[in-house]
Amino acid sequence: MSAISDWATEIQSSIGEVFFGKPEVIEKLLVSVLCRGHVLLEDVPGVGKTILARALATSLGGEFSRIQCTPDLLPADVLGVSVYNPRDGSFTFREGPIQANIVLVDEINRATPRTQSALLEAMAEGQISVEGQRRPLPEPFFLIATENPVEFEGTFPLPEAQKDRFLMNLSVGYPERADELRIVESQRRTTHPVTDMRSCTDPETVTSLQAGSVDVHVDRQVCDYIMRLVEATRERRDVRIGVSPRGTLALYKCSQALAAVRDRDYVIPEDVKELVRPVFAKRIIMSSDALIKGRSADDVLDDIVDSVAPPVMREA
């Protein structure tokens, strides 16, 4: 697994030159890339989500595009459209911004449900259907969507099917004081901080590493631990709908990728525990009584992690 670990270390170092602090967020983004998943970033404006996405795209050597969601955004604005040429009467397909390796969908909940649903096929199958034709998306394809958790006017809440398509739900949060001071001092530059970055790898290498992460060993006791965590979300009274089998697979794959990033060829229970909240947070639906009492999904998941005992692994 040293190849994946070396790759992750190099990418983290590259991103760290322009995005200060939050190494745990960068690490989980790389885990999502290895798992061919997508990430939902819930955070207030101005914490560096766009810089983080652009820095990741540049470091991976892929093409980056940004989609700013608004209520009048149409599916054709995202997927692409055929343009008529009056000279010869032909139509030429003009690709939309979805045709990129790293796609930042900013404020996804401001787009209408019709436009939101246009992203489902891209996220689930790595392709889009436009005008009766299927068009593959570039490899690797990684989508980062953002939404503001404190502003609801003029927004369209994501349907549960859409939330379940995201591998993880992450929050960047405010930087530490020292990191924010570095951000302020970096503004003396006249160019955008990402402009001077160089790619550390290429899309072909990323694709090969994605295939390698699935070889990480998962002990039967760790598998049983994952299942007990999943079952706990389905048995609680304060949870109306628990984690689906897709969520079980997501936690399993993310644990493999996190172990590989940390230069291990086997998963330990601590890998699983660390990923429960970001993987499960958007996959459970709270009961009405729990919501009235002010209970959140994070509160429930913290209780579950504390109550479900991890296995004691024997040292090799």
C-alpha atoms as a PDB file:
ATOM      1  CA  MET A   1       0.000   0.000   0.000  1.00  0.00           C
ATOM      2  CA  SER A   2       3.053   2.238   0.022  1.00  0.00           C
ATOM      3  CA  ALA A   3       2.223   3.539  -3.478  1.00  0.00           C
ATOM      4  CA  ILE A   4      -1.153   4.840  -2.301  1.00  0.00           C
ATOM      5  CA  SER A   5       0.323   6.246   0.911  1.00  0.00           C
ATOM      6  CA  ASP A   6       3.137   8.035  -0.960  1.00  0.00           C
ATOM      7  CA  TRP A   7       0.607   9.414  -3.427  1.00  0.00           C
ATOM      8  CA  ALA A   8      -1.656  10.672  -0.628  1.00  0.00           C
ATOM      9  CA  THR A   9       1.252  12.276   1.234  1.00  0.00           C
ATOM     10  CA  GLU A  10       2.374  14.116  -1.895  1.00  0.00           C
ATOM     11  CA  ILE A  11      -1.143  15.343  -2.668  1.00  0.00           C
ATOM     12  CA  GLN A  12      -1.699  16.481   0.916  1.00  0.00           C
ATOM     13  CA  SER A  13       1.592  18.381   0.889  1.00  0.00           C
ATOM     14  CA  SER A  14       0.719  20.028  -2.425  1.00  0.00           C
ATOM     15  CA  ILE A  15      -2.740  21.125  -1.279  1.00  0.00           C
ATOM     16  CA  GLY A  16      -1.304  22.274   2.048  1.00  0.00           C
ATOM     17  CA  GLU A  17       0.720  24.936   0.233  1.00  0.00           C
ATOM     18  CA  VAL A  18      -2.436  26.884  -0.665  1.00  0.00           C
ATOM     19  CA  PHE A  19      -5.088  25.515   1.706  1.00  0.00           C
ATOM     20  CA  PHE A  20      -3.840  25.942   5.252  1.00  0.00           C
ATOM     21  CA  GLY A  21      -4.859  23.553   8.004  1.00  0.00           C
ATOM     22  CA  LYS A  22      -7.603  20.890   8.054  1.00  0.00           C
ATOM     23  CA  PRO A  23      -5.412  17.889   7.093  1.00  0.00           C
ATOM     24  CA  GLU A  24      -8.185  15.542   8.228  1.00  0.00           C
ATOM     25  CA  VAL A  25     -10.571  17.034   5.647  1.00  0.00           C
ATOM     26  CA  ILE A  26      -7.993  16.677   2.860  1.00  0.00           C
ATOM     27  CA  GLU A  27      -7.347  13.079   3.905  1.00  0.00           C
ATOM     28  CA  LYS A  28     -11.039  12.187   3.740  1.00  0.00           C
ATOM     29  CA  LEU A  29     -11.351  13.854   0.333  1.00  0.00           C
ATOM     30  CA  LEU A  30      -8.542  11.600  -0.913  1.00  0.00           C
ATOM     31  CA  VAL A  31     -10.318   8.605   0.611  1.00  0.00           C
ATOM     32  CA  SER A  32     -13.420   9.561  -1.379  1.00  0.00           C
ATOM     33  CA  VAL A  33     -11.369   9.890  -4.566  1.00  0.00           C
ATOM     34  CA  LEU A  34      -9.938   6.395  -4.051  1.00  0.00           C
ATOM     35  CA  CYS A  35     -13.442   5.010  -3.472  1.00  0.00           C
ATOM     36  CA  ARG A  36     -14.821   6.692  -6.626  1.00  0.00           C
ATOM     37  CA  GLY A  37     -17.298   8.485  -4.384  1.00  0.00           C
ATOM     38  CA  HIS A  38     -18.532  12.049  -4.078  1.00  0.00           C
ATOM     39  CA  VAL A  39     -18.567  14.506  -1.186  1.00  0.00           C
ATOM     40  CA  LEU A  40     -21.133  16.934   0.197  1.00  0.00           C
ATOM     41  CA  LEU A  41     -19.541  19.889   2.005  1.00  0.00           C
ATOM     42  CA  GLU A  42     -21.905  21.598   4.422  1.00  0.00           C
ATOM     43  CA  ASP A  43     -20.389  24.858   5.536  1.00  0.00           C
ATOM     44  CA  VAL A  44     -20.793  28.597   5.759  1.00  0.00           C
ATOM     45  CA  PRO A  45     -19.491  30.746   2.872  1.00  0.00           C
ATOM     46  CA  GLY A  46     -15.888  31.858   2.841  1.00  0.00           C
ATOM     47  CA  VAL A  47     -14.062  28.939   4.469  1.00  0.00           C
ATOM     48  CA  GLY A  48     -12.147  27.973   1.319  1.00  0.00           C
ATOM     49  CA  LYS A  49     -14.269  25.265  -0.292  1.00  0.00           C
ATOM     50  CA  THR A  50     -13.550  26.482  -3.835  1.00  0.00           C
ATOM     51  CA  ILE A  51      -9.801  26.793  -3.251  1.00  0.00           C
ATOM     52  CA  LEU A  52      -9.758  23.307  -1.753  1.00  0.00           C
ATOM     53  CA  ALA A  53     -11.552  21.832  -4.785  1.00  0.00           C
ATOM     54  CA  ARG A  54      -9.333  23.664  -7.274  1.00  0.00           C
ATOM     55  CA  ALA A  55      -6.174  22.698  -5.414  1.00  0.00           C
ATOM     56  CA  LEU A  56      -7.273  19.064  -5.390  1.00  0.00           C
ATOM     57  CA  ALA A  57      -7.989  19.127  -9.131  1.00  0.00           C
ATOM     58  CA  THR A  58      -4.659  20.764  -9.927  1.00  0.00           C
ATOM     59  CA  SER A  59      -2.729  18.324  -7.729  1.00  0.00           C
ATOM     60  CA  LEU A  60      -4.444  15.344  -9.349  1.00  0.00           C
ATOM     61  CA  GLY A  61      -3.618  16.675 -12.802  1.00  0.00           C
ATOM     62  CA  GLY A  62      -7.242  16.720 -13.867  1.00  0.00           C
ATOM     63  CA  GLU A  63      -9.619  19.239 -15.334  1.00  0.00           C
ATOM     64  CA  PHE A  64     -11.651  21.359 -12.925  1.00  0.00           C
ATOM     65  CA  SER A  65     -15.027  22.992 -13.449  1.00  0.00           C
ATOM     66  CA  ARG A  66     -17.386  24.925 -11.198  1.00  0.00           C
ATOM     67  CA  ILE A  67     -21.157  25.063 -11.378  1.00  0.00           C
ATOM     68  CA  GLN A  68     -22.834  27.908  -9.490  1.00  0.00           C
ATOM     69  CA  CYS A  69     -26.356  26.749  -8.702  1.00  0.00           C
ATOM     70  CA  THR A  70     -29.257  29.166  -8.952  1.00  0.00           C
ATOM     71  CA  PRO A  71     -33.024  28.588  -9.222  1.00  0.00           C
ATOM     72  CA  ASP A  72     -32.937  29.312 -12.979  1.00  0.00           C
ATOM     73  CA  LEU A  73     -30.140  26.815 -13.690  1.00  0.00           C
ATOM     74  CA  LEU A  74     -31.346  24.230 -16.220  1.00  0.00           C
ATOM     75  CA  PRO A  75     -30.187  20.615 -16.697  1.00  0.00           C
ATOM     76  CA  ALA A  76     -28.824  21.594 -20.134  1.00  0.00           C
ATOM     77  CA  ASP A  77     -26.619  24.201 -18.439  1.00  0.00           C
ATOM     78  CA  VAL A  78     -24.980  21.357 -16.516  1.00  0.00           C
ATOM     79  CA  LEU A  79     -24.986  18.468 -18.973  1.00  0.00           C
ATOM     80  CA  GLY A  80     -24.564  20.286 -22.281  1.00  0.00           C
ATOM     81  CA  VAL A  81     -26.725  21.068 -25.288  1.00  0.00           C
ATOM     82  CA  SER A  82     -26.697  20.757 -29.067  1.00  0.00           C
ATOM     83  CA  VAL A  83     -26.169  24.064 -30.843  1.00  0.00           C
ATOM     84  CA  TYR A  84     -27.683  24.670 -34.279  1.00  0.00           C
ATOM     85  CA  ASN A  85     -25.379  25.847 -37.078  1.00  0.00           C
ATOM     86  CA  PRO A  86     -27.502  27.866 -39.591  1.00  0.00           C
ATOM     87  CA  ARG A  87     -24.823  27.654 -42.278  1.00  0.00           C
ATOM     88  CA  ASP A  88     -25.130  23.946 -42.924  1.00  0.00           C
ATOM     89  CA  GLY A  89     -28.158  23.049 -40.829  1.00  0.00           C
ATOM     90  CA  SER A  90     -26.145  20.765 -38.534  1.00  0.00           C
ATOM     91  CA  PHE A  91     -26.122  20.459 -34.760  1.00  0.00           C
ATOM     92  CA  THR A  92     -22.941  20.422 -32.692  1.00  0.00           C
ATOM     93  CA  PHE A  93     -22.984  19.184 -29.133  1.00  0.00           C
ATOM     94  CA  ARG A  94     -21.460  21.630 -26.690  1.00  0.00           C
ATOM     95  CA  GLU A  95     -20.299  19.880 -23.529  1.00  0.00           C
ATOM     96  CA  GLY A  96     -21.462  21.152 -20.165  1.00  0.00           C
ATOM     97  CA  PRO A  97     -19.304  21.744 -17.103  1.00  0.00           C
ATOM     98  CA  ILE A  98     -20.088  18.229 -15.839  1.00  0.00           C
ATOM     99  CA  GLN A  99     -17.457  16.955 -18.303  1.00  0.00           C
ATOM    100  CA  ALA A 100     -14.466  17.375 -15.991  1.00  0.00           C
ATOM    101  CA  ASN A 101     -12.454  15.293 -13.546  1.00  0.00           C
ATOM    102  CA  ILE A 102     -13.229  17.458 -10.514  1.00  0.00           C
ATOM    103  CA  VAL A 103     -16.585  19.253 -10.470  1.00  0.00           C
ATOM    104  CA  LEU A 104     -17.548  21.728  -7.764  1.00  0.00           C
ATOM    105  CA  VAL A 105     -21.317  22.170  -7.540  1.00  0.00           C
ATOM    106  CA  ASP A 106     -21.618  25.280  -5.404  1.00  0.00           C
ATOM    107  CA  GLU A 107     -24.771  25.697  -3.293  1.00  0.00           C
ATOM    108  CA  ILE A 108     -26.443  22.637  -4.786  1.00  0.00           C
ATOM    109  CA  ASN A 109     -29.606  23.206  -2.758  1.00  0.00           C
ATOM    110  CA  ARG A 110     -30.278  26.441  -4.687  1.00  0.00           C
ATOM    111  CA  ALA A 111     -30.875  24.437  -7.871  1.00  0.00           C
ATOM    112  CA  THR A 112     -34.362  23.141  -8.581  1.00  0.00           C
ATOM    113  CA  PRO A 113     -35.140  19.426  -8.052  1.00  0.00           C
ATOM    114  CA  ARG A 114     -35.152  18.999 -11.847  1.00  0.00           C
ATOM    115  CA  THR A 115     -31.563  20.196 -12.093  1.00  0.00           C
ATOM    116  CA  GLN A 116     -30.508  18.299  -8.974  1.00  0.00           C
ATOM    117  CA  SER A 117     -31.829  15.076 -10.481  1.00  0.00           C
ATOM    118  CA  ALA A 118     -29.693  15.654 -13.590  1.00  0.00           C
ATOM    119  CA  LEU A 119     -26.670  14.996 -11.391  1.00  0.00           C
ATOM    120  CA  LEU A 120     -27.909  11.628 -10.112  1.00  0.00           C
ATOM    121  CA  GLU A 121     -26.911   9.583 -13.166  1.00  0.00           C
ATOM    122  CA  ALA A 122     -23.517  11.269 -13.319  1.00  0.00           C
ATOM    123  CA  MET A 123     -22.817  10.515  -9.677  1.00  0.00           C
ATOM    124  CA  ALA A 124     -24.080   6.940  -9.728  1.00  0.00           C
ATOM    125  CA  GLU A 125     -22.943   5.669 -13.119  1.00  0.00           C
ATOM    126  CA  GLY A 126     -20.194   7.983 -14.351  1.00  0.00           C
ATOM    127  CA  GLN A 127     -22.183   8.931 -17.428  1.00  0.00           C
ATOM    128  CA  ILE A 128     -24.911  11.295 -18.563  1.00  0.00           C
ATOM    129  CA  SER A 129     -27.841  10.896 -20.924  1.00  0.00           C
ATOM    130  CA  VAL A 130     -28.444  13.843 -23.238  1.00  0.00           C
ATOM    131  CA  GLU A 131     -30.884  13.896 -26.146  1.00  0.00           C
ATOM    132  CA  GLY A 132     -31.236  10.131 -26.097  1.00  0.00           C
ATOM    133  CA  GLN A 133     -27.489   9.457 -26.114  1.00  0.00           C
ATOM    134  CA  ARG A 134     -25.279   8.248 -23.310  1.00  0.00           C
ATOM    135  CA  ARG A 135     -22.024  10.103 -22.880  1.00  0.00           C
ATOM    136  CA  PRO A 136     -19.316   8.794 -20.532  1.00  0.00           C
ATOM    137  CA  LEU A 137     -17.680  11.149 -18.084  1.00  0.00           C
ATOM    138  CA  PRO A 138     -13.894  11.401 -17.837  1.00  0.00           C
ATOM    139  CA  GLU A 139     -11.973   9.104 -15.496  1.00  0.00           C
ATOM    140  CA  PRO A 140     -11.568   9.758 -12.677  1.00  0.00           C
ATOM    141  CA  PHE A 141     -14.764  11.688 -11.989  1.00  0.00           C
ATOM    142  CA  PHE A 142     -15.182  13.331  -8.587  1.00  0.00           C
ATOM    143  CA  LEU A 143     -17.992  15.693  -7.584  1.00  0.00           C
ATOM    144  CA  ILE A 144     -17.871  18.041  -4.607  1.00  0.00           C
ATOM    145  CA  ALA A 145     -21.175  19.708  -3.768  1.00  0.00           C
ATOM    146  CA  THR A 146     -21.593  22.454  -1.191  1.00  0.00           C
ATOM    147  CA  GLU A 147     -24.579  23.796   0.684  1.00  0.00           C
ATOM    148  CA  ASN A 148     -25.063  26.473   3.308  1.00  0.00           C
ATOM    149  CA  PRO A 149     -26.545  24.902   6.479  1.00  0.00           C
ATOM    150  CA  VAL A 150     -27.831  28.172   7.945  1.00  0.00           C
ATOM    151  CA  GLU A 151     -29.711  29.748   5.026  1.00  0.00           C
ATOM    152  CA  PHE A 152     -32.951  28.214   3.764  1.00  0.00           C
ATOM    153  CA  GLU A 153     -34.731  30.996   1.850  1.00  0.00           C
ATOM    154  CA  GLY A 154     -34.813  30.278  -1.875  1.00  0.00           C
ATOM    155  CA  THR A 155     -33.429  26.764  -1.482  1.00  0.00           C
ATOM    156  CA  PHE A 156     -34.678  23.297  -2.429  1.00  0.00           C
ATOM    157  CA  PRO A 157     -33.762  20.606   0.136  1.00  0.00           C
ATOM    158  CA  LEU A 158     -31.905  17.656  -1.329  1.00  0.00           C
ATOM    159  CA  PRO A 159     -34.073  14.526  -1.670  1.00  0.00           C
ATOM    160  CA  GLU A 160     -32.987  11.498   0.344  1.00  0.00           C
ATOM    161  CA  ALA A 161     -31.988   9.643  -2.852  1.00  0.00           C
ATOM    162  CA  GLN A 162     -29.598  12.457  -3.697  1.00  0.00           C
ATOM    163  CA  LYS A 163     -28.060  12.519  -0.218  1.00  0.00           C
ATOM    164  CA  ASP A 164     -27.456   8.773  -0.369  1.00  0.00           C
ATOM    165  CA  ARG A 165     -25.394   9.212  -3.543  1.00  0.00           C
ATOM    166  CA  PHE A 166     -22.751  11.139  -1.626  1.00  0.00           C
ATOM    167  CA  LEU A 167     -20.091   8.933  -0.130  1.00  0.00           C
ATOM    168  CA  MET A 168     -19.330  11.375   2.687  1.00  0.00           C
ATOM    169  CA  ASN A 169     -20.658  14.512   4.297  1.00  0.00           C
ATOM    170  CA  LEU A 170     -17.835  16.799   5.470  1.00  0.00           C
ATOM    171  CA  SER A 171     -17.458  20.218   7.059  1.00  0.00           C
ATOM    172  CA  VAL A 172     -14.353  22.361   6.632  1.00  0.00           C
ATOM    173  CA  GLY A 173     -15.094  24.608   9.592  1.00  0.00           C
ATOM    174  CA  TYR A 174     -13.251  27.728  10.660  1.00  0.00           C
ATOM    175  CA  PRO A 175      -9.436  27.535  10.570  1.00  0.00           C
ATOM    176  CA  GLU A 176      -7.220  27.586  13.617  1.00  0.00           C
ATOM    177  CA  ARG A 177      -5.849  31.010  14.582  1.00  0.00           C
ATOM    178  CA  ALA A 178      -2.351  30.299  13.226  1.00  0.00           C
ATOM    179  CA  ASP A 179      -3.762  28.981   9.953  1.00  0.00           C
ATOM    180  CA  GLU A 180      -6.058  31.985   9.539  1.00  0.00           C
ATOM    181  CA  LEU A 181      -3.104  34.275  10.107  1.00  0.00           C
ATOM    182  CA  ARG A 182      -1.258  32.471   7.295  1.00  0.00           C
ATOM    183  CA  ILE A 183      -4.308  32.975   5.087  1.00  0.00           C
ATOM    184  CA  VAL A 184      -4.260  36.717   5.772  1.00  0.00           C
ATOM    185  CA  GLU A 185      -0.538  36.989   5.107  1.00  0.00           C
ATOM    186  CA  SER A 186      -0.841  35.009   1.876  1.00  0.00           C
ATOM    187  CA  GLN A 187      -3.107  37.707   0.425  1.00  0.00           C
ATOM    188  CA  ARG A 188      -0.046  39.841  -0.288  1.00  0.00           C
ATOM    189  CA  ARG A 189       0.343  37.788  -3.426  1.00  0.00           C
ATOM    190  CA  THR A 190      -0.840  39.307  -6.668  1.00  0.00           C
ATOM    191  CA  THR A 191      -1.845  35.987  -8.241  1.00  0.00           C
ATOM    192  CA  HIS A 192      -4.356  33.372  -7.148  1.00  0.00           C
ATOM    193  CA  PRO A 193      -2.645  30.837  -4.849  1.00  0.00           C
ATOM    194  CA  VAL A 194      -3.635  27.893  -7.063  1.00  0.00           C
ATOM    195  CA  THR A 195      -2.076  29.483 -10.171  1.00  0.00           C
ATOM    196  CA  ASP A 196       1.465  28.448  -9.270  1.00  0.00           C
ATOM    197  CA  MET A 197       0.563  24.873  -8.326  1.00  0.00           C
ATOM    198  CA  ARG A 198       1.800  21.927 -10.363  1.00  0.00           C
ATOM    199  CA  SER A 199       0.194  18.534 -10.734  1.00  0.00           C
ATOM    200  CA  CYS A 200       1.651  15.720  -8.655  1.00  0.00           C
ATOM    201  CA  THR A 201       0.099  12.912 -10.651  1.00  0.00           C
ATOM    202  CA  ASP A 202      -2.199  12.270 -13.604  1.00  0.00           C
ATOM    203  CA  PRO A 203      -5.712  10.853 -14.060  1.00  0.00           C
ATOM    204  CA  GLU A 204      -4.366   7.494 -15.268  1.00  0.00           C
ATOM    205  CA  THR A 205      -2.367   7.015 -12.068  1.00  0.00           C
ATOM    206  CA  VAL A 206      -5.363   7.944  -9.941  1.00  0.00           C
ATOM    207  CA  THR A 207      -7.478   5.357 -11.755  1.00  0.00           C
ATOM    208  CA  SER A 208      -4.905   2.620 -11.131  1.00  0.00           C
ATOM    209  CA  LEU A 209      -4.664   3.528  -7.438  1.00  0.00           C
ATOM    210  CA  GLN A 210      -8.445   3.381  -7.142  1.00  0.00           C
ATOM    211  CA  ALA A 211      -8.284  -0.247  -8.249  1.00  0.00           C
ATOM    212  CA  GLY A 212      -5.510  -0.974  -5.740  1.00  0.00           C
ATOM    213  CA  SER A 213      -7.344   0.220  -2.630  1.00  0.00           C
ATOM    214  CA  VAL A 214      -9.864  -2.644  -2.815  1.00  0.00           C
ATOM    215  CA  ASP A 215      -7.053  -5.125  -2.019  1.00  0.00           C
ATOM    216  CA  VAL A 216      -6.828  -3.913   1.585  1.00  0.00           C
ATOM    217  CA  HIS A 217      -7.707  -6.779   3.940  1.00  0.00           C
ATOM    218  CA  VAL A 218     -10.779  -6.476   6.162  1.00  0.00           C
ATOM    219  CA  ASP A 219     -10.892  -9.003   9.001  1.00  0.00           C
ATOM    220  CA  ARG A 220     -14.142 -10.838   9.669  1.00  0.00           C
ATOM    221  CA  GLN A 221     -14.322  -9.229  13.131  1.00  0.00           C
ATOM    222  CA  VAL A 222     -14.097  -5.770  11.557  1.00  0.00           C
ATOM    223  CA  CYS A 223     -16.839  -6.701   9.081  1.00  0.00           C
ATOM    224  CA  ASP A 224     -18.992  -7.816  12.009  1.00  0.00           C
ATOM    225  CA  TYR A 225     -18.254  -4.486  13.735  1.00  0.00           C
ATOM    226  CA  ILE A 226     -19.431  -2.584  10.649  1.00  0.00           C
ATOM    227  CA  MET A 227     -22.628  -4.631  10.556  1.00  0.00           C
ATOM    228  CA  ARG A 228     -23.335  -4.010  14.258  1.00  0.00           C
ATOM    229  CA  LEU A 229     -22.941  -0.268  13.718  1.00  0.00           C
ATOM    230  CA  VAL A 230     -25.328  -0.372  10.752  1.00  0.00           C
ATOM    231  CA  GLU A 231     -27.895  -2.476  12.620  1.00  0.00           C
ATOM    232  CA  ALA A 232     -27.757  -0.066  15.550  1.00  0.00           C
ATOM    233  CA  THR A 233     -28.968   2.759  13.303  1.00  0.00           C
ATOM    234  CA  ARG A 234     -31.981   0.623  12.288  1.00  0.00           C
ATOM    235  CA  GLU A 235     -32.985  -0.365  15.820  1.00  0.00           C
ATOM    236  CA  ARG A 236     -33.035   3.009  17.584  1.00  0.00           C
ATOM    237  CA  ARG A 237     -36.366   4.667  18.364  1.00  0.00           C
ATOM    238  CA  ASP A 238     -35.053   8.139  17.569  1.00  0.00           C
ATOM    239  CA  VAL A 239     -34.158   7.050  14.010  1.00  0.00           C
ATOM    240  CA  ARG A 240     -37.027   6.640  11.562  1.00  0.00           C
ATOM    241  CA  ILE A 241     -34.937   5.155   8.733  1.00  0.00           C
ATOM    242  CA  GLY A 242     -31.525   3.625   9.326  1.00  0.00           C
ATOM    243  CA  VAL A 243     -28.516   3.147   7.093  1.00  0.00           C
ATOM    244  CA  SER A 244     -29.141   1.290   3.823  1.00  0.00           C
ATOM    245  CA  PRO A 245     -26.912  -1.478   2.349  1.00  0.00           C
ATOM    246  CA  ARG A 246     -25.348   1.240   0.164  1.00  0.00           C
ATOM    247  CA  GLY A 247     -24.213   2.920   3.363  1.00  0.00           C
ATOM    248  CA  THR A 248     -22.773  -0.361   4.636  1.00  0.00           C
ATOM    249  CA  LEU A 249     -20.720  -0.715   1.456  1.00  0.00           C
ATOM    250  CA  ALA A 250     -19.626   2.915   1.700  1.00  0.00           C
ATOM    251  CA  LEU A 251     -18.250   2.459   5.233  1.00  0.00           C
ATOM    252  CA  TYR A 252     -16.495  -0.764   4.184  1.00  0.00           C
ATOM    253  CA  LYS A 253     -14.818   0.800   1.136  1.00  0.00           C
ATOM    254  CA  CYS A 254     -13.880   4.019   2.939  1.00  0.00           C
ATOM    255  CA  SER A 255     -12.244   2.003   5.709  1.00  0.00           C
ATOM    256  CA  GLN A 256     -10.147   0.176   3.115  1.00  0.00           C
ATOM    257  CA  ALA A 257      -9.091   3.423   1.460  1.00  0.00           C
ATOM    258  CA  LEU A 258      -8.268   5.138   4.771  1.00  0.00           C
ATOM    259  CA  ALA A 259      -6.069   2.197   5.775  1.00  0.00           C
ATOM    260  CA  ALA A 260      -4.271   2.383   2.417  1.00  0.00           C
ATOM    261  CA  VAL A 261      -3.718   6.137   2.757  1.00  0.00           C
ATOM    262  CA  ARG A 262      -2.157   5.460   6.158  1.00  0.00           C
ATOM    263  CA  ASP A 263       0.158   2.838   4.653  1.00  0.00           C
ATOM    264  CA  ARG A 264      -1.577  -0.264   5.971  1.00  0.00           C
ATOM    265  CA  ASP A 265      -2.806  -3.274   4.018  1.00  0.00           C
ATOM    266  CA  TYR A 266      -5.417  -4.095   6.652  1.00  0.00           C
ATOM    267  CA  VAL A 267      -8.286  -2.224   8.323  1.00  0.00           C
ATOM    268  CA  ILE A 268      -8.411  -1.641  12.077  1.00  0.00           C
ATOM    269  CA  PRO A 269     -11.542  -0.785  14.122  1.00  0.00           C
ATOM    270  CA  GLU A 270     -10.287   2.787  14.631  1.00  0.00           C
ATOM    271  CA  ASP A 271     -10.531   3.349  10.857  1.00  0.00           C
ATOM    272  CA  VAL A 272     -14.185   2.383  10.970  1.00  0.00           C
ATOM    273  CA  LYS A 273     -14.965   4.514  14.042  1.00  0.00           C
ATOM    274  CA  GLU A 274     -13.409   7.601  12.474  1.00  0.00           C
ATOM    275  CA  LEU A 275     -15.564   7.300   9.368  1.00  0.00           C
ATOM    276  CA  VAL A 276     -18.969   6.557  10.916  1.00  0.00           C
ATOM    277  CA  ARG A 277     -20.080  10.183  11.199  1.00  0.00           C
ATOM    278  CA  PRO A 278     -19.012  11.464   7.750  1.00  0.00           C
ATOM    279  CA  VAL A 279     -20.368   8.353   5.991  1.00  0.00           C
ATOM    280  CA  PHE A 280     -23.628   7.851   7.928  1.00  0.00           C
ATOM    281  CA  ALA A 281     -24.657  11.433   8.795  1.00  0.00           C
ATOM    282  CA  LYS A 282     -26.797  11.961   5.682  1.00  0.00           C
ATOM    283  CA  ARG A 283     -27.975   8.362   5.483  1.00  0.00           C
ATOM    284  CA  ILE A 284     -30.222   8.265   8.524  1.00  0.00           C
ATOM    285  CA  ILE A 285     -33.561  10.015   8.924  1.00  0.00           C
ATOM    286  CA  MET A 286     -34.439  11.140  12.423  1.00  0.00           C
ATOM    287  CA  SER A 287     -37.845  10.578  13.971  1.00  0.00           C
ATOM    288  CA  SER A 288     -40.155  13.527  14.564  1.00  0.00           C
ATOM    289  CA  ASP A 289     -39.892  13.196  18.345  1.00  0.00           C
ATOM    290  CA  ALA A 290     -36.081  13.279  18.192  1.00  0.00           C
ATOM    291  CA  LEU A 291     -36.122  16.398  16.042  1.00  0.00           C
ATOM    292  CA  ILE A 292     -38.520  18.136  18.427  1.00  0.00           C
ATOM    293  CA  LYS A 293     -36.152  17.335  21.283  1.00  0.00           C
ATOM    294  CA  GLY A 294     -33.273  18.863  19.355  1.00  0.00           C
ATOM    295  CA  ARG A 295     -31.479  15.605  18.668  1.00  0.00           C
ATOM    296  CA  SER A 296     -29.322  15.518  15.536  1.00  0.00           C
ATOM    297  CA  ALA A 297     -27.931  12.701  13.420  1.00  0.00           C
ATOM    298  CA  ASP A 298     -24.458  13.437  14.782  1.00  0.00           C
ATOM    299  CA  ASP A 299     -25.728  13.031  18.358  1.00  0.00           C
ATOM    300  CA  VAL A 300     -27.215   9.642  17.531  1.00  0.00           C
ATOM    301  CA  LEU A 301     -24.098   8.456  15.715  1.00  0.00           C
ATOM    302  CA  ASP A 302     -21.904   9.505  18.631  1.00  0.00           C
ATOM    303  CA  ASP A 303     -24.122   7.439  20.948  1.00  0.00           C
ATOM    304  CA  ILE A 304     -23.920   4.457  18.607  1.00  0.00           C
ATOM    305  CA  VAL A 305     -20.127   4.627  18.342  1.00  0.00           C
ATOM    306  CA  ASP A 306     -19.892   4.804  22.149  1.00  0.00           C
ATOM    307  CA  SER A 307     -22.326   1.928  22.731  1.00  0.00           C
ATOM    308  CA  VAL A 308     -21.150  -0.555  20.075  1.00  0.00           C
ATOM    309  CA  ALA A 309     -17.940  -2.113  21.329  1.00  0.00           C
ATOM    310  CA  PRO A 310     -15.171  -2.490  18.718  1.00  0.00           C
ATOM    311  CA  PRO A 311     -13.445  -5.873  18.424  1.00  0.00           C
ATOM    312  CA  VAL A 312     -10.155  -6.495  20.145  1.00  0.00           C
ATOM    313  CA  MET A 313      -7.741  -7.430  17.376  1.00  0.00           C
ATOM    314  CA  ARG A 314      -4.848  -9.782  18.002  1.00  0.00           C
ATOM    315  CA  GLU A 315      -1.412  -8.495  17.117  1.00  0.00           C
ATOM    316  CA  ALA A 316       0.262 -10.346  14.288  1.00  0.00           C
END
